[in-house]
Amino acid sequence: MSMQIRQINDTLWEIPKTGGMRVPGRVYASRSMMEHIREDKSLEQVANVAHLPGIVKYSLAMPDIHWGYGFPIGGVCATHAEDGVISPGGVGYDINCGVRLVGTALSAKDVRPRIRHLVSSLFSHVPTGVGASKAISKLSRKELHDVAVQGAAWATKRGFGSAAHTDFIEENGCLAGADPSAVDERPWQRGADQLGTLGSGNHFLEIGCVEEIYHPEAAERFGLRQDGIVVLIHCGSRGFGYQICDDYLKVTIQATQKYGITIPDRQLACAPLKSAEGRAYIGAMRCAANYAFANRQVIMHLAEQAFMETFSLSQREVGFNLVYDICHNIAKFETHDVDGRKLDVCMHRKGATRAFGPGHPDIPAKYRSIGQPVLIPGDMGRYSFLTVGTDRAMKETFGSSCHGAGRHMSRKKAMAASKGRNMIQELHERGVEIQATGTRTIAEEMPHAYKDVADVVNVMHDAGITLKVAKFKPLGVIKG
């Protein structure tokens, strides 16, 4: 498909409204990044999303954009709460895949000499890989229902961290309105023994150190210091959320036909927000989101245990503290200023994060004057970033930003590029210790498979959507 796109400024491009598009498309990217973005069908997907009934203002894409299911990964759209639709493809299979940033009282000099032992201990404490299970006892159906309704609070009530942690999780670690009755049998079966597990693919637990601080006031507010050790946890709702998405794609394909909705791609299957099918998906999706919040809460606790054992330190001496936990595969109802009026919308963010600016009431009180923390992990060999949302994000992107580096190669191409190379040794030479269930995942997730996350972050910083706060250098990683 020949895609017409015009450059608005150094960081923003527009796909004009044509054909059945209800709004224009907008993409944040540098000129050099746009050359690579044009190589797959992700721009076509931005235009396709613009066909959704009730879409407001723009179909948006962040600079980590790449081809996905229905929506591009890095895609953002708002649909009107009254007459819009919800699309599972705009959330993704891994519902509430997200990132958690944990600060510690340790410094790089404390950890580097023991990094290999620490990575091994983390790998022992946190189950990883396809089908990973049994981090904690298998949950009964009643317990699973409680997880689905209570989210992270379910975990803290059972001793997995502190109740105060929920103040520093998006939505306080629980989406209200979760409906266990909307979830079929198979998701419960898959989720029963996977809570507290990392999974596979691009999911990881990473030990890093604060390598550079760009915004001292924000870094201090977030409890970060030069050379301080941090932990990044990237995972989602595991088989529970995957199965819910799979089940509701079938439901919404039928709903698209039932309600006479015209879409250019079957993968954009959707249902009106106020329909029985739309309400059911929302209720089930919230169950999966809450499972993911609880999952990251349990993993944080297991990681803390590994740190304490490795260094023979007390909980106070290790000093684990939750900086923030953020979703990047979610749909939520929010109120935004649109053309001078307050509008209730359903925000789809797929491979994109919330990035609310200073003063927003949904930001933890401790951070409110600074803005919401935005966590942007990179590949496991270079660096990750912490940024903060801005007022401009609220005006231009419905308070949204990028979520990571974004793939530059498909997994198949990454495997081919990794053939004959000692990936573990290459990472070791970069100063990164890694442990994984198998070498295939390492090969698929090597740095050469991803865009340079610094380029992605700089586009958002230069556009004024987020401001850089700190850069983290990876020291150790565990993967599935």
Protein backbone atom coordinates (compact mmCIF):
# COMPACT_ATOMS: atom_id res chain seq x y z
CA MET A 1 0.00 0.00 0.00
CA SER A 2 1.39 3.42 -0.97
CA MET A 3 1.16 5.55 2.14
CA GLN A 4 0.95 9.33 1.89
CA ILE A 5 2.56 10.98 4.91
CA ARG A 6 3.75 14.53 5.47
CA GLN A 7 6.27 15.85 7.96
CA ILE A 8 4.87 18.45 10.37
CA ASN A 9 8.09 19.13 12.28
CA ASP A 10 11.30 17.39 13.32
CA THR A 11 9.48 14.83 15.46
CA LEU A 12 5.92 14.60 14.08
CA TRP A 13 4.38 13.20 10.88
CA GLU A 14 0.78 13.09 9.67
CA ILE A 15 -1.16 10.63 7.55
CA PRO A 16 -3.98 12.67 5.95
CA LYS A 17 -7.57 11.59 6.44
CA THR A 18 -8.58 9.69 3.29
CA GLY A 19 -11.20 7.13 2.29
CA GLY A 20 -12.97 5.67 5.30
CA MET A 21 -10.59 7.26 7.83
CA ARG A 22 -12.57 9.24 10.40
CA VAL A 23 -9.50 11.16 11.65
CA PRO A 24 -5.89 11.70 10.48
CA GLY A 25 -3.03 9.54 11.72
CA ARG A 26 -0.06 11.02 13.57
CA VAL A 27 3.32 9.41 14.17
CA TYR A 28 6.15 10.65 16.40
CA ALA A 29 9.52 9.83 14.83
CA SER A 30 12.73 11.36 13.54
CA ARG A 31 13.43 11.39 9.81
CA SER A 32 15.93 8.53 10.08
CA MET A 33 13.51 6.45 12.15
CA MET A 34 10.72 7.05 9.66
CA GLU A 35 12.82 5.41 6.92
CA HIS A 36 12.80 2.18 8.95
CA ILE A 37 9.16 2.53 10.02
CA ARG A 38 8.13 2.61 6.36
CA GLU A 39 9.62 -0.88 5.86
CA ASP A 40 6.71 -2.75 7.51
CA LYS A 41 2.93 -2.31 7.52
CA SER A 42 2.70 -0.37 10.76
CA LEU A 43 1.84 2.95 9.06
CA GLU A 44 -0.97 1.20 7.22
CA GLN A 45 -2.18 -0.01 10.61
CA VAL A 46 -2.16 3.58 11.95
CA ALA A 47 -4.45 4.52 9.05
CA ASN A 48 -6.63 1.45 9.62
CA VAL A 49 -7.19 2.35 13.29
CA ALA A 50 -8.47 5.74 12.12
CA HIS A 51 -11.52 3.91 10.68
CA LEU A 52 -12.83 2.86 14.12
CA PRO A 53 -16.27 4.26 15.04
CA GLY A 54 -16.09 7.03 17.62
CA ILE A 55 -12.34 7.63 17.32
CA VAL A 56 -11.40 11.07 18.59
CA LYS A 57 -8.88 13.57 17.17
CA TYR A 58 -6.12 11.26 15.82
CA SER A 59 -4.91 7.71 15.44
CA LEU A 60 -1.53 8.05 17.15
CA ALA A 61 1.74 6.10 17.07
CA MET A 62 4.84 6.47 19.21
CA PRO A 63 8.45 6.24 17.86
CA ASP A 64 8.81 2.60 18.98
CA ILE A 65 6.07 1.71 16.48
CA HIS A 66 6.24 -1.64 14.68
CA TRP A 67 3.80 -4.05 13.10
CA GLY A 68 1.34 -5.73 15.45
CA TYR A 69 -2.04 -7.47 15.57
CA GLY A 70 -4.64 -5.02 14.23
CA PHE A 71 -3.17 -1.98 15.95
CA PRO A 72 0.53 -1.28 15.54
CA ILE A 73 2.61 -1.81 18.64
CA GLY A 74 3.14 1.75 19.81
CA GLY A 75 -0.44 2.63 18.83
CA VAL A 76 -2.74 4.96 20.80
CA CYS A 77 -6.34 5.92 20.17
CA ALA A 78 -9.24 7.41 22.10
CA THR A 79 -12.81 6.40 21.28
CA HIS A 80 -15.80 8.37 22.51
CA ALA A 81 -17.28 6.83 25.65
CA GLU A 82 -20.83 7.32 24.39
CA ASP A 83 -20.71 6.03 20.83
CA GLY A 84 -17.22 4.56 20.40
CA VAL A 85 -15.95 1.00 20.31
CA ILE A 86 -13.39 -1.14 22.10
CA SER A 87 -11.02 -3.41 20.19
CA PRO A 88 -9.00 -6.24 21.78
CA GLY A 89 -6.38 -5.63 19.08
CA GLY A 90 -5.89 -2.18 20.61
CA VAL A 91 -4.90 -3.76 23.92
CA GLY A 92 -2.99 -6.82 22.74
CA TYR A 93 -2.70 -10.43 23.80
CA ASP A 94 -0.62 -9.73 26.91
CA ILE A 95 -3.16 -7.58 28.73
CA ASN A 96 -1.46 -5.14 31.11
CA CYS A 97 2.01 -6.10 30.09
CA GLY A 98 3.89 -3.41 31.97
CA VAL A 99 7.04 -2.32 33.74
CA ARG A 100 7.86 -1.88 37.42
CA LEU A 101 10.86 0.17 38.61
CA VAL A 102 12.26 -0.63 42.05
CA GLY A 103 14.92 1.43 43.80
CA THR A 104 17.31 -0.05 46.38
CA ALA A 105 19.74 1.13 49.07
CA LEU A 106 22.62 -0.60 47.23
CA SER A 107 25.23 0.87 44.90
CA ALA A 108 26.97 -0.53 41.85
CA LYS A 109 30.16 -1.13 43.86
CA ASP A 110 28.17 -3.36 46.24
CA VAL A 111 26.58 -5.44 43.50
CA ARG A 112 29.14 -5.83 40.70
CA PRO A 113 31.40 -8.28 42.58
CA ARG A 114 28.41 -10.56 43.27
CA ILE A 115 26.40 -9.98 40.08
CA ARG A 116 26.74 -13.52 38.73
CA HIS A 117 25.59 -15.00 42.03
CA LEU A 118 22.72 -12.50 42.23
CA VAL A 119 21.52 -13.33 38.70
CA SER A 120 21.61 -17.03 39.54
CA SER A 121 19.63 -16.42 42.74
CA LEU A 122 17.02 -14.36 40.91
CA PHE A 123 16.69 -17.07 38.28
CA SER A 124 16.11 -19.58 41.07
CA HIS A 125 13.50 -17.46 42.86
CA VAL A 126 11.48 -16.21 39.84
CA PRO A 127 10.21 -18.93 37.44
CA THR A 128 10.79 -17.95 33.80
CA GLY A 129 10.01 -19.27 30.34
CA VAL A 130 7.02 -20.57 28.37
CA GLY A 131 4.54 -22.16 30.77
CA ALA A 132 6.59 -21.17 33.84
CA SER A 133 4.64 -21.90 37.00
CA LYS A 134 4.68 -22.62 40.74
CA ALA A 135 6.26 -19.44 42.08
CA ILE A 136 3.63 -19.76 44.80
CA SER A 137 1.08 -22.49 45.58
CA LYS A 138 -1.49 -23.21 42.89
CA LEU A 139 -4.46 -20.93 43.48
CA SER A 140 -8.02 -22.09 43.98
CA ARG A 141 -10.78 -20.67 41.82
CA LYS A 142 -11.92 -18.48 44.72
CA GLU A 143 -8.37 -17.13 45.17
CA LEU A 144 -8.08 -16.46 41.43
CA HIS A 145 -11.36 -14.53 41.48
CA ASP A 146 -9.98 -12.46 44.35
CA VAL A 147 -6.77 -11.75 42.40
CA ALA A 148 -8.85 -10.70 39.37
CA VAL A 149 -10.91 -8.27 41.44
CA GLN A 150 -8.32 -6.96 43.93
CA GLY A 151 -5.12 -6.77 41.83
CA ALA A 152 -1.91 -5.87 43.64
CA ALA A 153 -3.74 -5.50 46.97
CA TRP A 154 -4.43 -9.25 46.92
CA ALA A 155 -0.67 -9.82 46.92
CA THR A 156 0.17 -7.28 49.63
CA LYS A 157 -2.52 -8.73 51.94
CA ARG A 158 -0.68 -12.05 51.71
CA GLY A 159 2.71 -10.63 52.60
CA PHE A 160 4.07 -9.99 49.12
CA GLY A 161 5.30 -6.47 49.81
CA SER A 162 3.71 -3.54 51.61
CA ALA A 163 0.21 -2.13 51.29
CA ALA A 164 1.90 1.26 50.75
CA HIS A 165 3.22 -0.02 47.40
CA THR A 166 -0.19 0.35 45.80
CA ASP A 167 0.13 4.15 46.04
CA PHE A 168 2.88 3.91 43.41
CA ILE A 169 1.11 1.69 40.88
CA GLU A 170 -0.98 2.99 38.00
CA GLU A 171 -4.65 2.88 39.08
CA ASN A 172 -3.33 1.93 42.55
CA GLY A 173 -2.79 -1.57 41.21
CA CYS A 174 -6.45 -2.36 40.57
CA LEU A 175 -8.90 -1.57 37.77
CA ALA A 176 -12.36 -1.27 39.29
CA GLY A 177 -15.22 -3.09 37.58
CA ALA A 178 -13.44 -6.37 36.89
CA ASP A 179 -16.03 -9.06 36.16
CA PRO A 180 -14.95 -12.67 36.81
CA SER A 181 -18.26 -13.91 35.35
CA ALA A 182 -17.13 -12.59 31.96
CA VAL A 183 -14.09 -14.91 31.96
CA ASP A 184 -14.50 -18.38 30.46
CA GLU A 185 -13.09 -21.61 31.91
CA ARG A 186 -9.78 -21.86 30.04
CA PRO A 187 -8.18 -18.61 31.34
CA TRP A 188 -8.74 -19.71 34.95
CA GLN A 189 -7.07 -23.02 34.21
CA ARG A 190 -4.06 -21.33 32.62
CA GLY A 191 -3.69 -18.73 35.35
CA ALA A 192 -3.96 -21.02 38.37
CA ASP A 193 -0.23 -21.67 38.81
CA GLN A 194 1.40 -18.79 36.90
CA LEU A 195 1.16 -15.92 39.39
CA GLY A 196 4.66 -14.69 40.26
CA THR A 197 6.23 -15.93 37.02
CA LEU A 198 8.06 -14.00 34.33
CA GLY A 199 7.12 -15.83 31.15
CA SER A 200 9.16 -15.67 27.95
CA GLY A 201 9.80 -13.54 24.89
CA ASN A 202 10.74 -9.94 25.69
CA HIS A 203 9.82 -10.25 29.37
CA PHE A 204 12.68 -9.84 31.80
CA LEU A 205 13.91 -8.91 35.24
CA GLU A 206 16.92 -6.60 35.03
CA ILE A 207 19.38 -5.28 37.60
CA GLY A 208 20.71 -1.88 36.57
CA CYS A 209 22.59 1.07 37.97
CA VAL A 210 21.82 4.76 37.58
CA GLU A 211 24.37 5.80 34.97
CA GLU A 212 23.20 9.34 34.22
CA ILE A 213 20.77 11.84 35.75
CA TYR A 214 19.23 14.52 33.51
CA HIS A 215 16.58 15.97 35.84
CA PRO A 216 18.02 16.12 39.41
CA GLU A 217 14.83 17.40 41.04
CA ALA A 218 12.73 14.55 39.60
CA ALA A 219 15.42 11.94 40.31
CA GLU A 220 15.58 13.03 43.94
CA ARG A 221 11.79 12.92 44.24
CA PHE A 222 11.82 9.37 42.84
CA GLY A 223 14.57 8.35 45.30
CA LEU A 224 17.26 7.77 42.67
CA ARG A 225 20.96 8.61 42.98
CA GLN A 226 24.07 8.25 40.80
CA ASP A 227 25.32 4.62 40.71
CA GLY A 228 22.34 3.43 42.76
CA ILE A 229 21.04 -0.05 41.97
CA VAL A 230 17.56 -0.40 40.49
CA VAL A 231 15.46 -3.36 39.39
CA LEU A 232 13.21 -3.35 36.31
CA ILE A 233 10.46 -5.98 36.02
CA HIS A 234 8.76 -6.35 32.63
CA CYS A 235 5.90 -8.85 32.36
CA GLY A 236 2.12 -9.10 32.15
CA SER A 237 -0.90 -11.33 32.73
CA ARG A 238 0.67 -14.54 31.40
CA GLY A 239 -1.60 -17.27 29.99
CA PHE A 240 -4.60 -15.84 31.87
CA GLY A 241 -4.61 -12.60 29.88
CA TYR A 242 -3.55 -14.24 26.62
CA GLN A 243 -6.52 -16.59 26.74
CA ILE A 244 -8.96 -13.80 27.57
CA CYS A 245 -7.77 -11.85 24.53
CA ASP A 246 -8.01 -14.92 22.31
CA ASP A 247 -11.53 -15.69 23.53
CA TYR A 248 -12.78 -12.13 23.00
CA LEU A 249 -11.28 -11.74 19.55
CA LYS A 250 -13.81 -14.37 18.48
CA VAL A 251 -16.61 -12.53 20.31
CA THR A 252 -15.75 -9.16 18.77
CA ILE A 253 -15.41 -10.58 15.25
CA GLN A 254 -19.05 -11.63 15.57
CA ALA A 255 -19.96 -8.28 17.17
CA THR A 256 -18.40 -6.37 14.28
CA GLN A 257 -20.77 -8.16 11.91
CA LYS A 258 -23.76 -7.98 14.28
CA TYR A 259 -23.54 -4.18 14.63
CA GLY A 260 -22.70 -3.53 10.98
CA ILE A 261 -19.27 -2.03 11.72
CA THR A 262 -17.06 -1.57 8.67
CA ILE A 263 -13.32 -2.04 9.28
CA PRO A 264 -10.45 -2.38 6.79
CA ASP A 265 -8.78 -5.24 8.69
CA ARG A 266 -10.45 -8.19 10.43
CA GLN A 267 -7.85 -7.90 13.21
CA LEU A 268 -9.49 -4.61 14.24
CA ALA A 269 -12.58 -6.54 15.37
CA CYS A 270 -14.45 -4.43 17.91
CA ALA A 271 -17.68 -3.96 19.78
CA PRO A 272 -19.58 -0.83 20.83
CA LEU A 273 -18.52 0.17 24.34
CA LYS A 274 -22.13 0.06 25.55
CA SER A 275 -22.99 -3.27 23.93
CA ALA A 276 -23.20 -6.53 25.88
CA GLU A 277 -20.09 -7.78 24.06
CA GLY A 278 -18.16 -4.58 24.74
CA ARG A 279 -19.05 -4.54 28.43
CA ALA A 280 -18.13 -8.22 28.78
CA TYR A 281 -14.71 -7.72 27.20
CA ILE A 282 -14.03 -4.70 29.42
CA GLY A 283 -14.95 -6.69 32.53
CA ALA A 284 -12.75 -9.63 31.51
CA MET A 285 -9.87 -7.40 30.41
CA ARG A 286 -9.88 -5.71 33.83
CA CYS A 287 -9.58 -9.15 35.45
CA ALA A 288 -6.45 -9.80 33.39
CA ALA A 289 -5.06 -6.34 34.17
CA ASN A 290 -5.47 -6.97 37.88
CA TYR A 291 -3.81 -10.38 37.58
CA ALA A 292 -0.82 -8.63 35.96
CA PHE A 293 -0.60 -6.04 38.75
CA ALA A 294 -0.58 -8.86 41.30
CA ASN A 295 1.96 -10.79 39.23
CA ARG A 296 4.49 -7.94 39.25
CA GLN A 297 3.87 -7.40 42.96
CA VAL A 298 4.71 -11.03 43.75
CA ILE A 299 7.79 -10.98 41.48
CA MET A 300 9.09 -7.86 43.25
CA HIS A 301 8.81 -9.70 46.57
CA LEU A 302 10.62 -12.77 45.20
CA ALA A 303 13.38 -10.53 43.82
CA GLU A 304 13.77 -8.87 47.21
CA GLN A 305 14.23 -12.30 48.81
CA ALA A 306 16.99 -13.09 46.28
CA PHE A 307 18.80 -9.82 47.08
CA MET A 308 18.59 -10.42 50.83
CA GLU A 309 19.96 -13.97 50.51
CA THR A 310 22.73 -13.05 48.06
CA PHE A 311 24.11 -10.21 50.17
CA SER A 312 23.13 -11.54 53.62
CA LEU A 313 21.32 -8.30 54.33
CA SER A 314 18.09 -7.43 56.09
CA GLN A 315 15.05 -6.08 54.28
CA ARG A 316 15.87 -2.59 55.59
CA GLU A 317 19.50 -2.83 54.43
CA VAL A 318 18.50 -3.93 50.91
CA GLY A 319 16.03 -1.06 50.84
CA PHE A 320 13.65 -2.17 48.11
CA ASN A 321 11.24 0.67 47.33
CA LEU A 322 8.68 0.81 44.54
CA VAL A 323 9.27 3.88 42.36
CA TYR A 324 6.39 3.18 39.96
CA ASP A 325 4.52 0.49 38.04
CA ILE A 326 2.97 1.30 34.68
CA CYS A 327 0.83 -0.49 32.07
CA HIS A 328 1.56 -0.52 28.37
CA ASN A 329 -1.17 -2.83 26.99
CA ILE A 330 -4.48 -1.55 28.30
CA ALA A 331 -7.79 0.20 27.60
CA LYS A 332 -9.15 2.57 30.24
CA PHE A 333 -11.77 5.26 30.59
CA GLU A 334 -10.27 8.72 31.07
CA THR A 335 -11.37 12.33 30.74
CA HIS A 336 -9.37 14.59 28.41
CA ASP A 337 -9.59 18.11 27.03
CA VAL A 338 -10.50 17.84 23.34
CA ASP A 339 -10.88 21.05 21.36
CA GLY A 340 -11.64 23.04 24.50
CA ARG A 341 -14.15 20.66 26.11
CA LYS A 342 -13.93 17.80 28.59
CA LEU A 343 -14.56 14.48 26.91
CA ASP A 344 -14.90 10.99 28.39
CA VAL A 345 -13.03 8.52 26.22
CA CYS A 346 -11.83 4.94 26.18
CA MET A 347 -8.05 5.11 25.81
CA HIS A 348 -6.44 2.24 23.95
CA ARG A 349 -2.69 2.09 24.60
CA LYS A 350 -0.92 -0.84 22.96
CA GLY A 351 2.82 -0.80 23.41
CA ALA A 352 2.36 2.72 24.76
CA THR A 353 2.21 4.13 28.27
CA ARG A 354 0.27 6.73 30.18
CA ALA A 355 2.31 9.93 30.61
CA PHE A 356 0.21 12.37 32.64
CA GLY A 357 1.64 15.82 33.24
CA PRO A 358 2.20 17.69 36.53
CA GLY A 359 -0.82 18.31 38.71
CA HIS A 360 -2.98 15.45 37.48
CA PRO A 361 -4.93 13.90 40.39
CA ASP A 362 -4.15 10.35 39.25
CA ILE A 363 -0.43 10.87 39.90
CA PRO A 364 0.81 9.84 43.39
CA ALA A 365 0.80 12.88 45.70
CA LYS A 366 4.56 12.57 46.24
CA TYR A 367 5.19 13.01 42.50
CA ARG A 368 2.27 15.21 41.48
CA SER A 369 4.19 18.46 41.10
CA ILE A 370 6.82 16.71 38.94
CA GLY A 371 4.61 14.62 36.66
CA GLN A 372 4.01 10.91 36.22
CA PRO A 373 7.03 8.59 35.96
CA VAL A 374 7.25 6.90 32.53
CA LEU A 375 9.38 3.74 32.40
CA ILE A 376 11.05 2.94 29.08
CA PRO A 377 13.17 -0.22 29.06
CA GLY A 378 15.64 -0.77 26.25
CA ASP A 379 17.32 -3.92 25.04
CA MET A 380 19.27 -5.96 27.56
CA GLY A 381 22.69 -4.79 26.38
CA ARG A 382 22.56 -0.99 26.29
CA TYR A 383 20.37 1.11 28.63
CA SER A 384 16.86 1.90 29.85
CA PHE A 385 15.31 5.24 30.75
CA LEU A 386 13.03 6.91 33.24
CA THR A 387 11.18 9.95 31.93
CA VAL A 388 8.29 12.05 33.19
CA GLY A 389 5.03 13.16 31.57
CA THR A 390 4.32 16.78 30.61
CA ASP A 391 1.48 19.22 30.05
CA ARG A 392 2.18 18.96 26.34
CA ALA A 393 1.48 15.23 26.44
CA MET A 394 -1.95 16.03 27.86
CA LYS A 395 -2.63 18.38 24.95
CA GLU A 396 -1.21 16.32 22.08
CA THR A 397 -1.25 12.60 22.92
CA PHE A 398 -4.02 12.14 25.51
CA GLY A 399 -1.23 11.88 28.09
CA SER A 400 0.56 9.03 26.29
CA SER A 401 4.14 8.15 25.41
CA CYS A 402 6.34 5.32 24.14
CA HIS A 403 6.92 2.06 26.03
CA GLY A 404 10.34 0.78 24.98
CA ALA A 405 12.87 0.42 22.19
CA GLY A 406 10.58 -1.27 19.68
CA ARG A 407 11.71 -4.13 17.51
CA HIS A 408 13.95 -3.41 14.53
CA MET A 409 14.01 -7.07 13.42
CA SER A 410 11.43 -9.82 13.54
CA ARG A 411 12.27 -12.71 15.84
CA LYS A 412 13.05 -14.84 12.80
CA LYS A 413 15.51 -12.27 11.42
CA ALA A 414 17.06 -11.79 14.86
CA MET A 415 17.62 -15.55 15.10
CA ALA A 416 19.33 -15.53 11.71
CA ALA A 417 21.53 -12.57 12.69
CA SER A 418 22.51 -14.35 15.91
CA LYS A 419 23.45 -17.63 14.23
CA GLY A 420 27.00 -18.77 14.98
CA ARG A 421 27.53 -16.10 17.64
CA ASN A 422 28.05 -16.60 21.37
CA MET A 423 25.32 -14.28 22.60
CA ILE A 424 26.03 -14.85 26.29
CA GLN A 425 29.69 -13.98 25.79
CA GLU A 426 28.81 -10.87 23.78
CA LEU A 427 26.63 -9.64 26.62
CA HIS A 428 29.34 -10.51 29.15
CA GLU A 429 31.78 -8.34 27.20
CA ARG A 430 29.26 -5.48 27.50
CA GLY A 431 29.29 -5.98 31.29
CA VAL A 432 25.95 -7.79 31.44
CA GLU A 433 25.42 -11.18 33.08
CA ILE A 434 22.42 -13.13 31.80
CA GLN A 435 20.62 -16.32 32.67
CA ALA A 436 17.72 -17.67 30.60
CA THR A 437 15.71 -20.84 30.15
CA GLY A 438 17.14 -21.30 26.64
CA THR A 439 19.50 -19.68 24.15
CA ARG A 440 16.73 -19.16 21.59
CA THR A 441 15.14 -16.38 23.65
CA ILE A 442 18.52 -14.69 24.09
CA ALA A 443 19.13 -14.80 20.34
CA GLU A 444 15.67 -13.36 19.57
CA GLU A 445 16.08 -10.57 22.13
CA MET A 446 19.68 -9.45 21.51
CA PRO A 447 20.34 -5.71 21.18
CA HIS A 448 20.66 -5.93 17.39
CA ALA A 449 16.95 -6.95 17.23
CA TYR A 450 15.85 -3.58 18.66
CA LYS A 451 15.94 0.10 17.86
CA ASP A 452 18.28 2.14 20.02
CA VAL A 453 15.97 3.16 22.86
CA ALA A 454 17.90 6.43 23.26
CA ASP A 455 16.64 7.47 19.80
CA VAL A 456 13.07 6.66 20.82
CA VAL A 457 13.35 8.54 24.12
CA ASN A 458 14.99 11.54 22.46
CA VAL A 459 12.10 11.91 19.99
CA MET A 460 9.62 12.10 22.88
CA HIS A 461 11.91 14.45 24.82
CA ASP A 462 12.47 16.74 21.84
CA ALA A 463 8.73 16.74 21.12
CA GLY A 464 8.12 17.82 24.72
CA ILE A 465 5.85 14.83 25.42
CA THR A 466 8.14 13.45 28.13
CA LEU A 467 11.31 14.76 29.77
CA LYS A 468 14.33 12.58 30.48
CA VAL A 469 15.05 11.94 34.16
CA ALA A 470 17.63 9.14 34.34
CA LYS A 471 19.42 6.44 32.34
CA PHE A 472 20.06 2.96 33.71
CA LYS A 473 22.89 0.65 32.62
CA PRO A 474 22.07 -3.09 32.81
CA LEU A 475 24.36 -5.26 34.96
CA GLY A 476 22.36 -8.50 35.01
CA VAL A 477 19.26 -9.97 33.39
CA ILE A 478 17.07 -13.05 33.71
CA LYS A 479 14.75 -14.13 30.87
CA GLY A 480 12.54 -17.02 29.88
